[in-house]
Amino acid sequence: MIDYDSLLQLCAIIFIIFMCYLLYKYVVYYIRKTRLVDFSLKVKTIRVNPLLRAIKSTSSTLKAIPFINGKKYNRYAKLVPAFEDGYDVISSKVLCCLFILFLYIFVSILYKADIHITMVLVCLILGYVLLDFYYIYSSRNVNRIVSKDMLGAVIIMNNDFKANRSVEQAINDVIERKTGPIKKEFKKIIDDVELGLSYGEAFLRMYKRTRIKSVLDISHAFSLYTMIGSDLIEIFDSIEEKIIEEEKFDIQVKSVKVFNKFFKILFNILPIFIVIIFLFNKEYMKLLLGTKGIIFLCIIVVLYIIYIVTINKIVRRYNYDNK
């Protein structure tokens, strides 16, 4: 049976570390906002460089293992400027596993509790998948920012076409006048073209990365321009109007989406609050942390996942019907 006290103390320490991390992020944000560059560089140097060295060292070790494939994590590596490839992402996940495992062992030794193999496996699995939520959220956030900036990019390109500038000049103009993720995406367009791809194929690759409909429209526009010499000004005028109409429509249904999102979050986190309440019931948790209790917890997790998927599908279906 897993020791209840060590589990509770582990949860408390993880929560405290999470709150300290949020406080650290707020301090860094405040320092950057007030333009105290020297202080922000000192904070970044203290906290980031040792971690990056550990990640790079672990990454070089993982590359020597033949059955580990880091290519599927390459899309997440682009979210962190210091990461070079997917192996750095896997290294960060491995270090997170070891960190949480170290916390569990430290708490168990501190409170003279037994170390159970089941909790060791739980810590390893939790540590490995924990960063996935951060990477997925960051990826979606980047795509959302690119989607918001696409209207400005289309307007810049359309104005350049009206001034009889070339496609390459229009894309470079977007790179010079825009900042953030969209600037990086348009730089990738230039890199793809230099490697021999057409502008239609380069924007199609961008669409596969971001899944933004307006990017797919631009890809089709350049494909038509290459094949039959279509008028880019007319096509980009229609794309610009389409994006503006979509933004107007999004504003109209925003209130409905916010209402649905609130209830979706409420229903999703309600079981979590119930689990937290039971977590402080020592006798109840002792039953769950036994051999039969672990099986019961696995069944609860599966049912909870099905519950979340069902709620999300209902909300998405309702949003779709309102459209």
C-alpha atoms as a PDB file:
ATOM      1  CA  MET A   1       0.000   0.000   0.000  1.00  0.00           C
ATOM      2  CA  ILE A   2       1.291   3.492  -0.864  1.00  0.00           C
ATOM      3  CA  ASP A   3       1.924   5.751   2.119  1.00  0.00           C
ATOM      4  CA  TYR A   4      -0.761   8.423   2.312  1.00  0.00           C
ATOM      5  CA  ASP A   5       1.340  11.039   4.131  1.00  0.00           C
ATOM      6  CA  SER A   6       4.173  10.967   1.585  1.00  0.00           C
ATOM      7  CA  LEU A   7       1.671  11.312  -1.275  1.00  0.00           C
ATOM      8  CA  LEU A   8       0.025  14.296   0.378  1.00  0.00           C
ATOM      9  CA  GLN A   9       3.355  15.958   1.102  1.00  0.00           C
ATOM     10  CA  LEU A  10       4.501  15.379  -2.492  1.00  0.00           C
ATOM     11  CA  CYS A  11       1.348  17.074  -3.797  1.00  0.00           C
ATOM     12  CA  ALA A  12       1.924  20.002  -1.434  1.00  0.00           C
ATOM     13  CA  ILE A  13       5.542  20.455  -2.530  1.00  0.00           C
ATOM     14  CA  ILE A  14       4.615  20.312  -6.227  1.00  0.00           C
ATOM     15  CA  PHE A  15       1.950  22.940  -5.591  1.00  0.00           C
ATOM     16  CA  ILE A  16       4.428  25.200  -3.766  1.00  0.00           C
ATOM     17  CA  ILE A  17       6.968  24.846  -6.590  1.00  0.00           C
ATOM     18  CA  PHE A  18       4.269  25.685  -9.131  1.00  0.00           C
ATOM     19  CA  MET A  19       3.296  28.826  -7.200  1.00  0.00           C
ATOM     20  CA  CYS A  20       6.957  29.846  -6.950  1.00  0.00           C
ATOM     21  CA  TYR A  21       7.279  29.390 -10.713  1.00  0.00           C
ATOM     22  CA  LEU A  22       4.249  31.620 -11.305  1.00  0.00           C
ATOM     23  CA  LEU A  23       5.761  34.235  -8.996  1.00  0.00           C
ATOM     24  CA  TYR A  24       9.057  34.030 -10.889  1.00  0.00           C
ATOM     25  CA  LYS A  25       7.287  34.511 -14.242  1.00  0.00           C
ATOM     26  CA  TYR A  26       5.427  37.519 -12.857  1.00  0.00           C
ATOM     27  CA  VAL A  27       8.673  39.111 -11.586  1.00  0.00           C
ATOM     28  CA  VAL A  28      10.379  38.592 -14.957  1.00  0.00           C
ATOM     29  CA  TYR A  29       7.355  40.023 -16.760  1.00  0.00           C
ATOM     30  CA  TYR A  30       7.301  43.070 -14.467  1.00  0.00           C
ATOM     31  CA  ILE A  31      11.038  43.657 -14.924  1.00  0.00           C
ATOM     32  CA  ARG A  32      10.776  43.477 -18.702  1.00  0.00           C
ATOM     33  CA  LYS A  33       7.725  45.704 -18.681  1.00  0.00           C
ATOM     34  CA  THR A  34       9.601  48.395 -16.763  1.00  0.00           C
ATOM     35  CA  ARG A  35      12.547  47.985 -19.173  1.00  0.00           C
ATOM     36  CA  LEU A  36      15.094  47.067 -16.504  1.00  0.00           C
ATOM     37  CA  VAL A  37      17.168  45.059 -18.951  1.00  0.00           C
ATOM     38  CA  ASP A  38      20.113  44.416 -16.648  1.00  0.00           C
ATOM     39  CA  PHE A  39      17.932  42.840 -13.954  1.00  0.00           C
ATOM     40  CA  SER A  40      16.021  40.703 -16.459  1.00  0.00           C
ATOM     41  CA  LEU A  41      19.280  39.380 -17.887  1.00  0.00           C
ATOM     42  CA  LYS A  42      20.531  38.471 -14.409  1.00  0.00           C
ATOM     43  CA  VAL A  43      17.345  36.555 -13.577  1.00  0.00           C
ATOM     44  CA  LYS A  44      17.465  34.739 -16.895  1.00  0.00           C
ATOM     45  CA  THR A  45      21.145  33.837 -16.489  1.00  0.00           C
ATOM     46  CA  ILE A  46      20.655  32.402 -12.996  1.00  0.00           C
ATOM     47  CA  ARG A  47      17.647  30.243 -13.780  1.00  0.00           C
ATOM     48  CA  VAL A  48      17.960  29.212 -17.407  1.00  0.00           C
ATOM     49  CA  ASN A  49      21.604  28.498 -18.260  1.00  0.00           C
ATOM     50  CA  PRO A  50      22.218  25.557 -15.860  1.00  0.00           C
ATOM     51  CA  LEU A  51      18.977  23.957 -16.990  1.00  0.00           C
ATOM     52  CA  LEU A  52      19.900  24.364 -20.656  1.00  0.00           C
ATOM     53  CA  ARG A  53      23.289  22.796 -20.052  1.00  0.00           C
ATOM     54  CA  ALA A  54      21.613  19.798 -18.413  1.00  0.00           C
ATOM     55  CA  ILE A  55      19.149  19.515 -21.303  1.00  0.00           C
ATOM     56  CA  LYS A  56      21.911  19.667 -23.932  1.00  0.00           C
ATOM     57  CA  SER A  57      23.955  17.070 -22.071  1.00  0.00           C
ATOM     58  CA  THR A  58      20.981  14.711 -21.792  1.00  0.00           C
ATOM     59  CA  SER A  59      20.099  15.318 -25.438  1.00  0.00           C
ATOM     60  CA  SER A  60      23.554  14.242 -26.638  1.00  0.00           C
ATOM     61  CA  THR A  61      23.150  11.024 -24.648  1.00  0.00           C
ATOM     62  CA  LEU A  62      19.701  10.315 -26.073  1.00  0.00           C
ATOM     63  CA  LYS A  63      20.950  10.762 -29.641  1.00  0.00           C
ATOM     64  CA  ALA A  64      23.278   7.809 -29.102  1.00  0.00           C
ATOM     65  CA  ILE A  65      20.316   5.527 -28.311  1.00  0.00           C
ATOM     66  CA  PRO A  66      19.077   4.096 -31.635  1.00  0.00           C
ATOM     67  CA  PHE A  67      15.419   3.392 -30.760  1.00  0.00           C
ATOM     68  CA  ILE A  68      14.696   6.968 -29.577  1.00  0.00           C
ATOM     69  CA  ASN A  69      13.284   9.115 -32.371  1.00  0.00           C
ATOM     70  CA  GLY A  70      13.188  12.843 -31.686  1.00  0.00           C
ATOM     71  CA  LYS A  71      11.790  13.902 -35.066  1.00  0.00           C
ATOM     72  CA  LYS A  72       8.158  13.784 -33.939  1.00  0.00           C
ATOM     73  CA  TYR A  73       8.949  16.443 -31.326  1.00  0.00           C
ATOM     74  CA  ASN A  74      10.633  18.828 -33.769  1.00  0.00           C
ATOM     75  CA  ARG A  75       7.485  20.963 -33.990  1.00  0.00           C
ATOM     76  CA  TYR A  76       7.661  21.565 -30.241  1.00  0.00           C
ATOM     77  CA  ALA A  77      11.387  22.360 -30.344  1.00  0.00           C
ATOM     78  CA  LYS A  78      10.610  25.443 -32.422  1.00  0.00           C
ATOM     79  CA  LEU A  79       8.604  26.849 -29.502  1.00  0.00           C
ATOM     80  CA  VAL A  80      11.752  27.228 -27.365  1.00  0.00           C
ATOM     81  CA  PRO A  81      14.480  29.363 -29.002  1.00  0.00           C
ATOM     82  CA  ALA A  82      17.268  27.515 -27.171  1.00  0.00           C
ATOM     83  CA  PHE A  83      16.109  24.092 -28.395  1.00  0.00           C
ATOM     84  CA  GLU A  84      17.652  22.741 -31.585  1.00  0.00           C
ATOM     85  CA  ASP A  85      15.584  19.625 -32.270  1.00  0.00           C
ATOM     86  CA  GLY A  86      13.137  17.134 -30.795  1.00  0.00           C
ATOM     87  CA  TYR A  87      15.842  15.494 -28.692  1.00  0.00           C
ATOM     88  CA  ASP A  88      16.025  18.648 -26.566  1.00  0.00           C
ATOM     89  CA  VAL A  89      12.275  18.335 -25.970  1.00  0.00           C
ATOM     90  CA  ILE A  90      12.644  14.687 -24.918  1.00  0.00           C
ATOM     91  CA  SER A  91      15.541  15.681 -22.669  1.00  0.00           C
ATOM     92  CA  SER A  92      13.372  18.261 -20.905  1.00  0.00           C
ATOM     93  CA  LYS A  93      10.686  15.593 -20.377  1.00  0.00           C
ATOM     94  CA  VAL A  94      13.247  13.132 -18.979  1.00  0.00           C
ATOM     95  CA  LEU A  95      14.634  15.745 -16.583  1.00  0.00           C
ATOM     96  CA  CYS A  96      11.095  16.549 -15.469  1.00  0.00           C
ATOM     97  CA  CYS A  97      10.599  12.830 -14.705  1.00  0.00           C
ATOM     98  CA  LEU A  98      13.757  12.723 -12.622  1.00  0.00           C
ATOM     99  CA  PHE A  99      12.830  15.936 -10.804  1.00  0.00           C
ATOM    100  CA  ILE A 100       9.407  14.668  -9.721  1.00  0.00           C
ATOM    101  CA  LEU A 101      10.913  11.289  -8.788  1.00  0.00           C
ATOM    102  CA  PHE A 102      13.544  13.089  -6.707  1.00  0.00           C
ATOM    103  CA  LEU A 103      10.781  15.029  -4.931  1.00  0.00           C
ATOM    104  CA  TYR A 104       8.934  11.820  -4.078  1.00  0.00           C
ATOM    105  CA  ILE A 105      12.067  10.105  -2.748  1.00  0.00           C
ATOM    106  CA  PHE A 106      13.047  13.221  -0.793  1.00  0.00           C
ATOM    107  CA  VAL A 107       9.601  13.482   0.832  1.00  0.00           C
ATOM    108  CA  SER A 108       9.562   9.758   1.608  1.00  0.00           C
ATOM    109  CA  ILE A 109      12.981   9.935   3.304  1.00  0.00           C
ATOM    110  CA  LEU A 110      12.079  13.142   5.117  1.00  0.00           C
ATOM    111  CA  TYR A 111       8.937  11.620   6.638  1.00  0.00           C
ATOM    112  CA  LYS A 112      10.473   8.121   6.996  1.00  0.00           C
ATOM    113  CA  ALA A 113       7.905   6.568   4.674  1.00  0.00           C
ATOM    114  CA  ASP A 114       8.352   3.524   2.453  1.00  0.00           C
ATOM    115  CA  ILE A 115       9.216   3.989  -1.201  1.00  0.00           C
ATOM    116  CA  HIS A 116       6.769   2.033  -3.367  1.00  0.00           C
ATOM    117  CA  ILE A 117       7.382   0.971  -6.930  1.00  0.00           C
ATOM    118  CA  THR A 118       3.839   2.006  -7.889  1.00  0.00           C
ATOM    119  CA  MET A 119       4.453   5.608  -6.837  1.00  0.00           C
ATOM    120  CA  VAL A 120       7.815   5.573  -8.625  1.00  0.00           C
ATOM    121  CA  LEU A 121       6.059   4.584 -11.860  1.00  0.00           C
ATOM    122  CA  VAL A 122       3.358   7.214 -11.279  1.00  0.00           C
ATOM    123  CA  CYS A 123       6.024   9.911 -10.792  1.00  0.00           C
ATOM    124  CA  LEU A 124       7.875   8.851 -13.948  1.00  0.00           C
ATOM    125  CA  ILE A 125       4.719   8.811 -16.075  1.00  0.00           C
ATOM    126  CA  LEU A 126       3.479  12.093 -14.611  1.00  0.00           C
ATOM    127  CA  GLY A 127       6.831  13.779 -15.159  1.00  0.00           C
ATOM    128  CA  TYR A 128       7.066  12.573 -18.758  1.00  0.00           C
ATOM    129  CA  VAL A 129       3.620  13.748 -19.854  1.00  0.00           C
ATOM    130  CA  LEU A 130       3.486  16.924 -17.752  1.00  0.00           C
ATOM    131  CA  LEU A 131       5.464  19.074 -20.195  1.00  0.00           C
ATOM    132  CA  ASP A 132       3.333  17.838 -23.104  1.00  0.00           C
ATOM    133  CA  PHE A 133       0.461  19.971 -21.837  1.00  0.00           C
ATOM    134  CA  TYR A 134       2.740  23.030 -21.838  1.00  0.00           C
ATOM    135  CA  TYR A 135       4.071  22.339 -25.339  1.00  0.00           C
ATOM    136  CA  ILE A 136       0.590  21.712 -26.763  1.00  0.00           C
ATOM    137  CA  TYR A 137      -0.732  24.899 -25.156  1.00  0.00           C
ATOM    138  CA  SER A 138       2.236  26.929 -26.441  1.00  0.00           C
ATOM    139  CA  SER A 139       1.798  25.517 -29.946  1.00  0.00           C
ATOM    140  CA  ARG A 140      -1.879  26.445 -30.021  1.00  0.00           C
ATOM    141  CA  ASN A 141      -1.103  29.871 -28.609  1.00  0.00           C
ATOM    142  CA  VAL A 142       1.460  30.525 -31.358  1.00  0.00           C
ATOM    143  CA  ASN A 143      -1.052  29.471 -34.031  1.00  0.00           C
ATOM    144  CA  ARG A 144      -3.657  31.764 -32.478  1.00  0.00           C
ATOM    145  CA  ILE A 145      -1.252  34.725 -32.624  1.00  0.00           C
ATOM    146  CA  VAL A 146      -0.373  33.958 -36.249  1.00  0.00           C
ATOM    147  CA  SER A 147      -4.079  33.757 -37.109  1.00  0.00           C
ATOM    148  CA  LYS A 148      -4.701  37.197 -35.586  1.00  0.00           C
ATOM    149  CA  ASP A 149      -1.785  38.730 -37.512  1.00  0.00           C
ATOM    150  CA  MET A 150      -2.693  37.210 -40.880  1.00  0.00           C
ATOM    151  CA  LEU A 151      -5.036  40.073 -41.796  1.00  0.00           C
ATOM    152  CA  GLY A 152      -2.220  42.603 -41.399  1.00  0.00           C
ATOM    153  CA  ALA A 153       0.128  40.393 -43.439  1.00  0.00           C
ATOM    154  CA  VAL A 154      -2.434  40.033 -46.243  1.00  0.00           C
ATOM    155  CA  ILE A 155      -3.008  43.806 -46.298  1.00  0.00           C
ATOM    156  CA  ILE A 156       0.752  44.453 -46.529  1.00  0.00           C
ATOM    157  CA  MET A 157       1.173  41.964 -49.367  1.00  0.00           C
ATOM    158  CA  ASN A 158      -1.882  43.276 -51.202  1.00  0.00           C
ATOM    159  CA  ASN A 159      -0.605  46.862 -51.018  1.00  0.00           C
ATOM    160  CA  ASP A 160       2.786  45.727 -52.322  1.00  0.00           C
ATOM    161  CA  PHE A 161       1.126  43.977 -55.267  1.00  0.00           C
ATOM    162  CA  LYS A 162      -0.819  47.145 -56.037  1.00  0.00           C
ATOM    163  CA  ALA A 163       2.526  48.982 -56.051  1.00  0.00           C
ATOM    164  CA  ASN A 164       3.812  46.468 -58.680  1.00  0.00           C
ATOM    165  CA  ARG A 165       6.234  44.816 -56.290  1.00  0.00           C
ATOM    166  CA  SER A 166       7.174  41.146 -56.633  1.00  0.00           C
ATOM    167  CA  VAL A 167       6.016  38.303 -54.410  1.00  0.00           C
ATOM    168  CA  GLU A 168       9.434  38.017 -52.790  1.00  0.00           C
ATOM    169  CA  GLN A 169       9.467  41.747 -52.033  1.00  0.00           C
ATOM    170  CA  ALA A 170       5.963  41.506 -50.526  1.00  0.00           C
ATOM    171  CA  ILE A 171       6.973  38.633 -48.234  1.00  0.00           C
ATOM    172  CA  ASN A 172      10.159  40.435 -47.179  1.00  0.00           C
ATOM    173  CA  ASP A 173       8.048  43.523 -46.451  1.00  0.00           C
ATOM    174  CA  VAL A 174       5.900  41.442 -44.083  1.00  0.00           C
ATOM    175  CA  ILE A 175       9.056  40.149 -42.383  1.00  0.00           C
ATOM    176  CA  GLU A 176      10.388  43.682 -41.905  1.00  0.00           C
ATOM    177  CA  ARG A 177       7.133  45.185 -40.612  1.00  0.00           C
ATOM    178  CA  LYS A 178       5.839  42.320 -38.475  1.00  0.00           C
ATOM    179  CA  THR A 179       7.146  40.800 -35.250  1.00  0.00           C
ATOM    180  CA  GLY A 180       6.557  37.603 -33.324  1.00  0.00           C
ATOM    181  CA  PRO A 181       5.521  34.165 -34.623  1.00  0.00           C
ATOM    182  CA  ILE A 182       4.179  35.417 -37.959  1.00  0.00           C
ATOM    183  CA  LYS A 183       7.575  36.902 -38.790  1.00  0.00           C
ATOM    184  CA  LYS A 184       9.180  33.514 -38.158  1.00  0.00           C
ATOM    185  CA  GLU A 185       6.579  31.776 -40.337  1.00  0.00           C
ATOM    186  CA  PHE A 186       7.220  34.119 -43.265  1.00  0.00           C
ATOM    187  CA  LYS A 187      10.953  33.607 -42.848  1.00  0.00           C
ATOM    188  CA  LYS A 188      10.283  29.897 -43.240  1.00  0.00           C
ATOM    189  CA  ILE A 189       8.428  30.726 -46.472  1.00  0.00           C
ATOM    190  CA  ILE A 190      11.565  32.389 -47.832  1.00  0.00           C
ATOM    191  CA  ASP A 191      13.703  29.446 -46.711  1.00  0.00           C
ATOM    192  CA  ASP A 192      11.386  26.954 -48.456  1.00  0.00           C
ATOM    193  CA  VAL A 193      11.454  28.974 -51.680  1.00  0.00           C
ATOM    194  CA  GLU A 194      15.252  29.129 -51.578  1.00  0.00           C
ATOM    195  CA  LEU A 195      15.264  25.331 -51.304  1.00  0.00           C
ATOM    196  CA  GLY A 196      13.318  25.093 -54.575  1.00  0.00           C
ATOM    197  CA  LEU A 197       9.655  25.040 -53.546  1.00  0.00           C
ATOM    198  CA  SER A 198       7.102  27.270 -55.205  1.00  0.00           C
ATOM    199  CA  TYR A 199       5.273  29.945 -53.212  1.00  0.00           C
ATOM    200  CA  GLY A 200       2.106  27.839 -53.320  1.00  0.00           C
ATOM    201  CA  GLU A 201       3.917  24.822 -51.884  1.00  0.00           C
ATOM    202  CA  ALA A 202       5.676  26.960 -49.253  1.00  0.00           C
ATOM    203  CA  PHE A 203       2.389  28.430 -48.019  1.00  0.00           C
ATOM    204  CA  LEU A 204       0.856  24.952 -48.080  1.00  0.00           C
ATOM    205  CA  ARG A 205       3.611  23.826 -45.695  1.00  0.00           C
ATOM    206  CA  MET A 206       2.790  26.823 -43.509  1.00  0.00           C
ATOM    207  CA  TYR A 207      -0.866  25.770 -43.522  1.00  0.00           C
ATOM    208  CA  LYS A 208       0.086  22.269 -42.361  1.00  0.00           C
ATOM    209  CA  ARG A 209       2.011  23.827 -39.470  1.00  0.00           C
ATOM    210  CA  THR A 210      -0.658  26.330 -38.406  1.00  0.00           C
ATOM    211  CA  ARG A 211      -3.986  24.994 -39.818  1.00  0.00           C
ATOM    212  CA  ILE A 212      -5.131  28.555 -40.650  1.00  0.00           C
ATOM    213  CA  LYS A 213      -7.675  28.728 -43.474  1.00  0.00           C
ATOM    214  CA  SER A 214      -6.456  32.056 -44.847  1.00  0.00           C
ATOM    215  CA  VAL A 215      -2.981  30.556 -45.327  1.00  0.00           C
ATOM    216  CA  LEU A 216      -4.541  27.791 -47.414  1.00  0.00           C
ATOM    217  CA  ASP A 217      -6.336  30.444 -49.495  1.00  0.00           C
ATOM    218  CA  ILE A 218      -3.011  32.186 -50.109  1.00  0.00           C
ATOM    219  CA  SER A 219      -1.471  28.867 -51.138  1.00  0.00           C
ATOM    220  CA  HIS A 220      -4.259  28.312 -53.676  1.00  0.00           C
ATOM    221  CA  ALA A 221      -3.867  31.899 -54.906  1.00  0.00           C
ATOM    222  CA  PHE A 222      -0.175  31.437 -55.680  1.00  0.00           C
ATOM    223  CA  SER A 223      -0.847  28.038 -57.269  1.00  0.00           C
ATOM    224  CA  LEU A 224      -3.401  29.651 -59.629  1.00  0.00           C
ATOM    225  CA  TYR A 225      -0.993  32.516 -60.287  1.00  0.00           C
ATOM    226  CA  THR A 226       1.730  30.027 -61.244  1.00  0.00           C
ATOM    227  CA  MET A 227      -0.496  27.872 -63.477  1.00  0.00           C
ATOM    228  CA  ILE A 228      -2.767  30.347 -65.276  1.00  0.00           C
ATOM    229  CA  GLY A 229      -1.406  33.764 -64.290  1.00  0.00           C
ATOM    230  CA  SER A 230      -4.373  34.944 -62.196  1.00  0.00           C
ATOM    231  CA  ASP A 231      -4.607  38.511 -60.935  1.00  0.00           C
ATOM    232  CA  LEU A 232      -3.050  38.492 -57.457  1.00  0.00           C
ATOM    233  CA  ILE A 233      -4.540  41.863 -56.539  1.00  0.00           C
ATOM    234  CA  GLU A 234      -8.085  40.653 -57.156  1.00  0.00           C
ATOM    235  CA  ILE A 235      -7.481  37.385 -55.307  1.00  0.00           C
ATOM    236  CA  PHE A 236      -5.887  39.083 -52.295  1.00  0.00           C
ATOM    237  CA  ASP A 237      -8.750  41.605 -52.198  1.00  0.00           C
ATOM    238  CA  SER A 238     -11.169  38.704 -51.839  1.00  0.00           C
ATOM    239  CA  ILE A 239      -8.955  37.016 -49.199  1.00  0.00           C
ATOM    240  CA  GLU A 240      -8.781  40.275 -47.249  1.00  0.00           C
ATOM    241  CA  GLU A 241     -12.560  40.707 -47.360  1.00  0.00           C
ATOM    242  CA  LYS A 242     -13.050  37.094 -46.313  1.00  0.00           C
ATOM    243  CA  ILE A 243     -10.767  37.478 -43.272  1.00  0.00           C
ATOM    244  CA  ILE A 244     -12.548  40.693 -42.237  1.00  0.00           C
ATOM    245  CA  GLU A 245     -15.962  39.018 -42.517  1.00  0.00           C
ATOM    246  CA  GLU A 246     -14.738  36.036 -40.504  1.00  0.00           C
ATOM    247  CA  GLU A 247     -13.446  38.341 -37.760  1.00  0.00           C
ATOM    248  CA  LYS A 248     -16.779  40.168 -37.640  1.00  0.00           C
ATOM    249  CA  PHE A 249     -18.595  36.867 -37.382  1.00  0.00           C
ATOM    250  CA  ASP A 250     -16.248  35.680 -34.633  1.00  0.00           C
ATOM    251  CA  ILE A 251     -17.036  38.804 -32.619  1.00  0.00           C
ATOM    252  CA  GLN A 252     -20.775  38.147 -32.962  1.00  0.00           C
ATOM    253  CA  VAL A 253     -20.554  34.596 -31.638  1.00  0.00           C
ATOM    254  CA  LYS A 254     -17.892  35.365 -29.035  1.00  0.00           C
ATOM    255  CA  SER A 255     -20.414  35.770 -26.243  1.00  0.00           C
ATOM    256  CA  VAL A 256     -21.919  32.360 -26.995  1.00  0.00           C
ATOM    257  CA  LYS A 257     -18.501  30.731 -27.084  1.00  0.00           C
ATOM    258  CA  VAL A 258     -17.453  32.344 -23.805  1.00  0.00           C
ATOM    259  CA  PHE A 259     -20.655  31.101 -22.160  1.00  0.00           C
ATOM    260  CA  ASN A 260     -20.097  27.564 -23.448  1.00  0.00           C
ATOM    261  CA  LYS A 261     -16.401  27.621 -22.555  1.00  0.00           C
ATOM    262  CA  PHE A 262     -17.239  28.647 -18.982  1.00  0.00           C
ATOM    263  CA  PHE A 263     -19.550  25.671 -18.494  1.00  0.00           C
ATOM    264  CA  LYS A 264     -17.099  23.352 -20.244  1.00  0.00           C
ATOM    265  CA  ILE A 265     -14.331  24.362 -17.827  1.00  0.00           C
ATOM    266  CA  LEU A 266     -16.726  24.144 -14.887  1.00  0.00           C
ATOM    267  CA  PHE A 267     -17.838  20.598 -15.732  1.00  0.00           C
ATOM    268  CA  ASN A 268     -14.268  19.532 -16.533  1.00  0.00           C
ATOM    269  CA  ILE A 269     -12.746  20.673 -13.242  1.00  0.00           C
ATOM    270  CA  LEU A 270     -15.684  19.654 -11.026  1.00  0.00           C
ATOM    271  CA  PRO A 271     -14.434  16.044 -10.615  1.00  0.00           C
ATOM    272  CA  ILE A 272     -10.970  17.399  -9.803  1.00  0.00           C
ATOM    273  CA  PHE A 273     -12.366  19.364  -6.840  1.00  0.00           C
ATOM    274  CA  ILE A 274     -14.113  16.210  -5.650  1.00  0.00           C
ATOM    275  CA  VAL A 275     -10.812  14.300  -5.822  1.00  0.00           C
ATOM    276  CA  ILE A 276      -9.062  17.074  -3.869  1.00  0.00           C
ATOM    277  CA  ILE A 277     -11.735  16.871  -1.165  1.00  0.00           C
ATOM    278  CA  PHE A 278     -11.286  13.102  -0.906  1.00  0.00           C
ATOM    279  CA  LEU A 279      -7.507  13.569  -0.882  1.00  0.00           C
ATOM    280  CA  PHE A 280      -7.734  15.032   2.627  1.00  0.00           C
ATOM    281  CA  ASN A 281      -9.782  12.067   3.851  1.00  0.00           C
ATOM    282  CA  LYS A 282      -7.036   9.782   5.099  1.00  0.00           C
ATOM    283  CA  GLU A 283      -9.139   6.633   5.549  1.00  0.00           C
ATOM    284  CA  TYR A 284     -10.691   6.966   2.111  1.00  0.00           C
ATOM    285  CA  MET A 285      -7.328   7.500   0.422  1.00  0.00           C
ATOM    286  CA  LYS A 286      -5.804   4.485   2.156  1.00  0.00           C
ATOM    287  CA  LEU A 287      -8.419   2.313   0.501  1.00  0.00           C
ATOM    288  CA  LEU A 288      -7.695   3.839  -2.917  1.00  0.00           C
ATOM    289  CA  LEU A 289      -3.921   3.496  -2.576  1.00  0.00           C
ATOM    290  CA  GLY A 290      -4.084  -0.260  -2.138  1.00  0.00           C
ATOM    291  CA  THR A 291      -3.719  -2.778  -4.971  1.00  0.00           C
ATOM    292  CA  LYS A 292      -7.443  -2.852  -5.737  1.00  0.00           C
ATOM    293  CA  GLY A 293      -7.631   0.903  -5.243  1.00  0.00           C
ATOM    294  CA  ILE A 294      -5.026   1.531  -7.966  1.00  0.00           C
ATOM    295  CA  ILE A 295      -7.144  -0.455 -10.434  1.00  0.00           C
ATOM    296  CA  PHE A 296     -10.185   1.520  -9.354  1.00  0.00           C
ATOM    297  CA  LEU A 297      -8.270   4.803  -9.843  1.00  0.00           C
ATOM    298  CA  CYS A 298      -7.284   3.744 -13.366  1.00  0.00           C
ATOM    299  CA  ILE A 299     -10.945   3.084 -14.177  1.00  0.00           C
ATOM    300  CA  ILE A 300     -11.854   6.509 -12.762  1.00  0.00           C
ATOM    301  CA  VAL A 301      -9.204   8.193 -14.930  1.00  0.00           C
ATOM    302  CA  VAL A 302     -10.501   6.443 -18.068  1.00  0.00           C
ATOM    303  CA  LEU A 303     -14.092   7.448 -17.260  1.00  0.00           C
ATOM    304  CA  TYR A 304     -12.970  11.006 -16.561  1.00  0.00           C
ATOM    305  CA  ILE A 305     -11.233  11.211 -19.960  1.00  0.00           C
ATOM    306  CA  ILE A 306     -14.394   9.921 -21.659  1.00  0.00           C
ATOM    307  CA  TYR A 307     -16.371  12.485 -19.665  1.00  0.00           C
ATOM    308  CA  ILE A 308     -14.135  15.381 -20.812  1.00  0.00           C
ATOM    309  CA  VAL A 309     -14.223  14.239 -24.462  1.00  0.00           C
ATOM    310  CA  THR A 310     -18.030  13.988 -24.347  1.00  0.00           C
ATOM    311  CA  ILE A 311     -18.415  17.477 -22.819  1.00  0.00           C
ATOM    312  CA  ASN A 312     -16.039  18.968 -25.402  1.00  0.00           C
ATOM    313  CA  LYS A 313     -17.914  17.335 -28.279  1.00  0.00           C
ATOM    314  CA  ILE A 314     -21.241  18.632 -26.976  1.00  0.00           C
ATOM    315  CA  VAL A 315     -19.876  22.182 -26.690  1.00  0.00           C
ATOM    316  CA  ARG A 316     -18.224  22.066 -30.122  1.00  0.00           C
ATOM    317  CA  ARG A 317     -21.395  20.712 -31.674  1.00  0.00           C
ATOM    318  CA  TYR A 318     -23.394  23.515 -30.077  1.00  0.00           C
ATOM    319  CA  ASN A 319     -20.938  26.120 -31.397  1.00  0.00           C
ATOM    320  CA  TYR A 320     -21.124  24.585 -34.859  1.00  0.00           C
ATOM    321  CA  ASP A 321     -24.952  24.652 -34.838  1.00  0.00           C
ATOM    322  CA  ASN A 322     -24.878  28.329 -33.870  1.00  0.00           C
ATOM    323  CA  LYS A 323     -22.650  29.062 -36.837  1.00  0.00           C
END
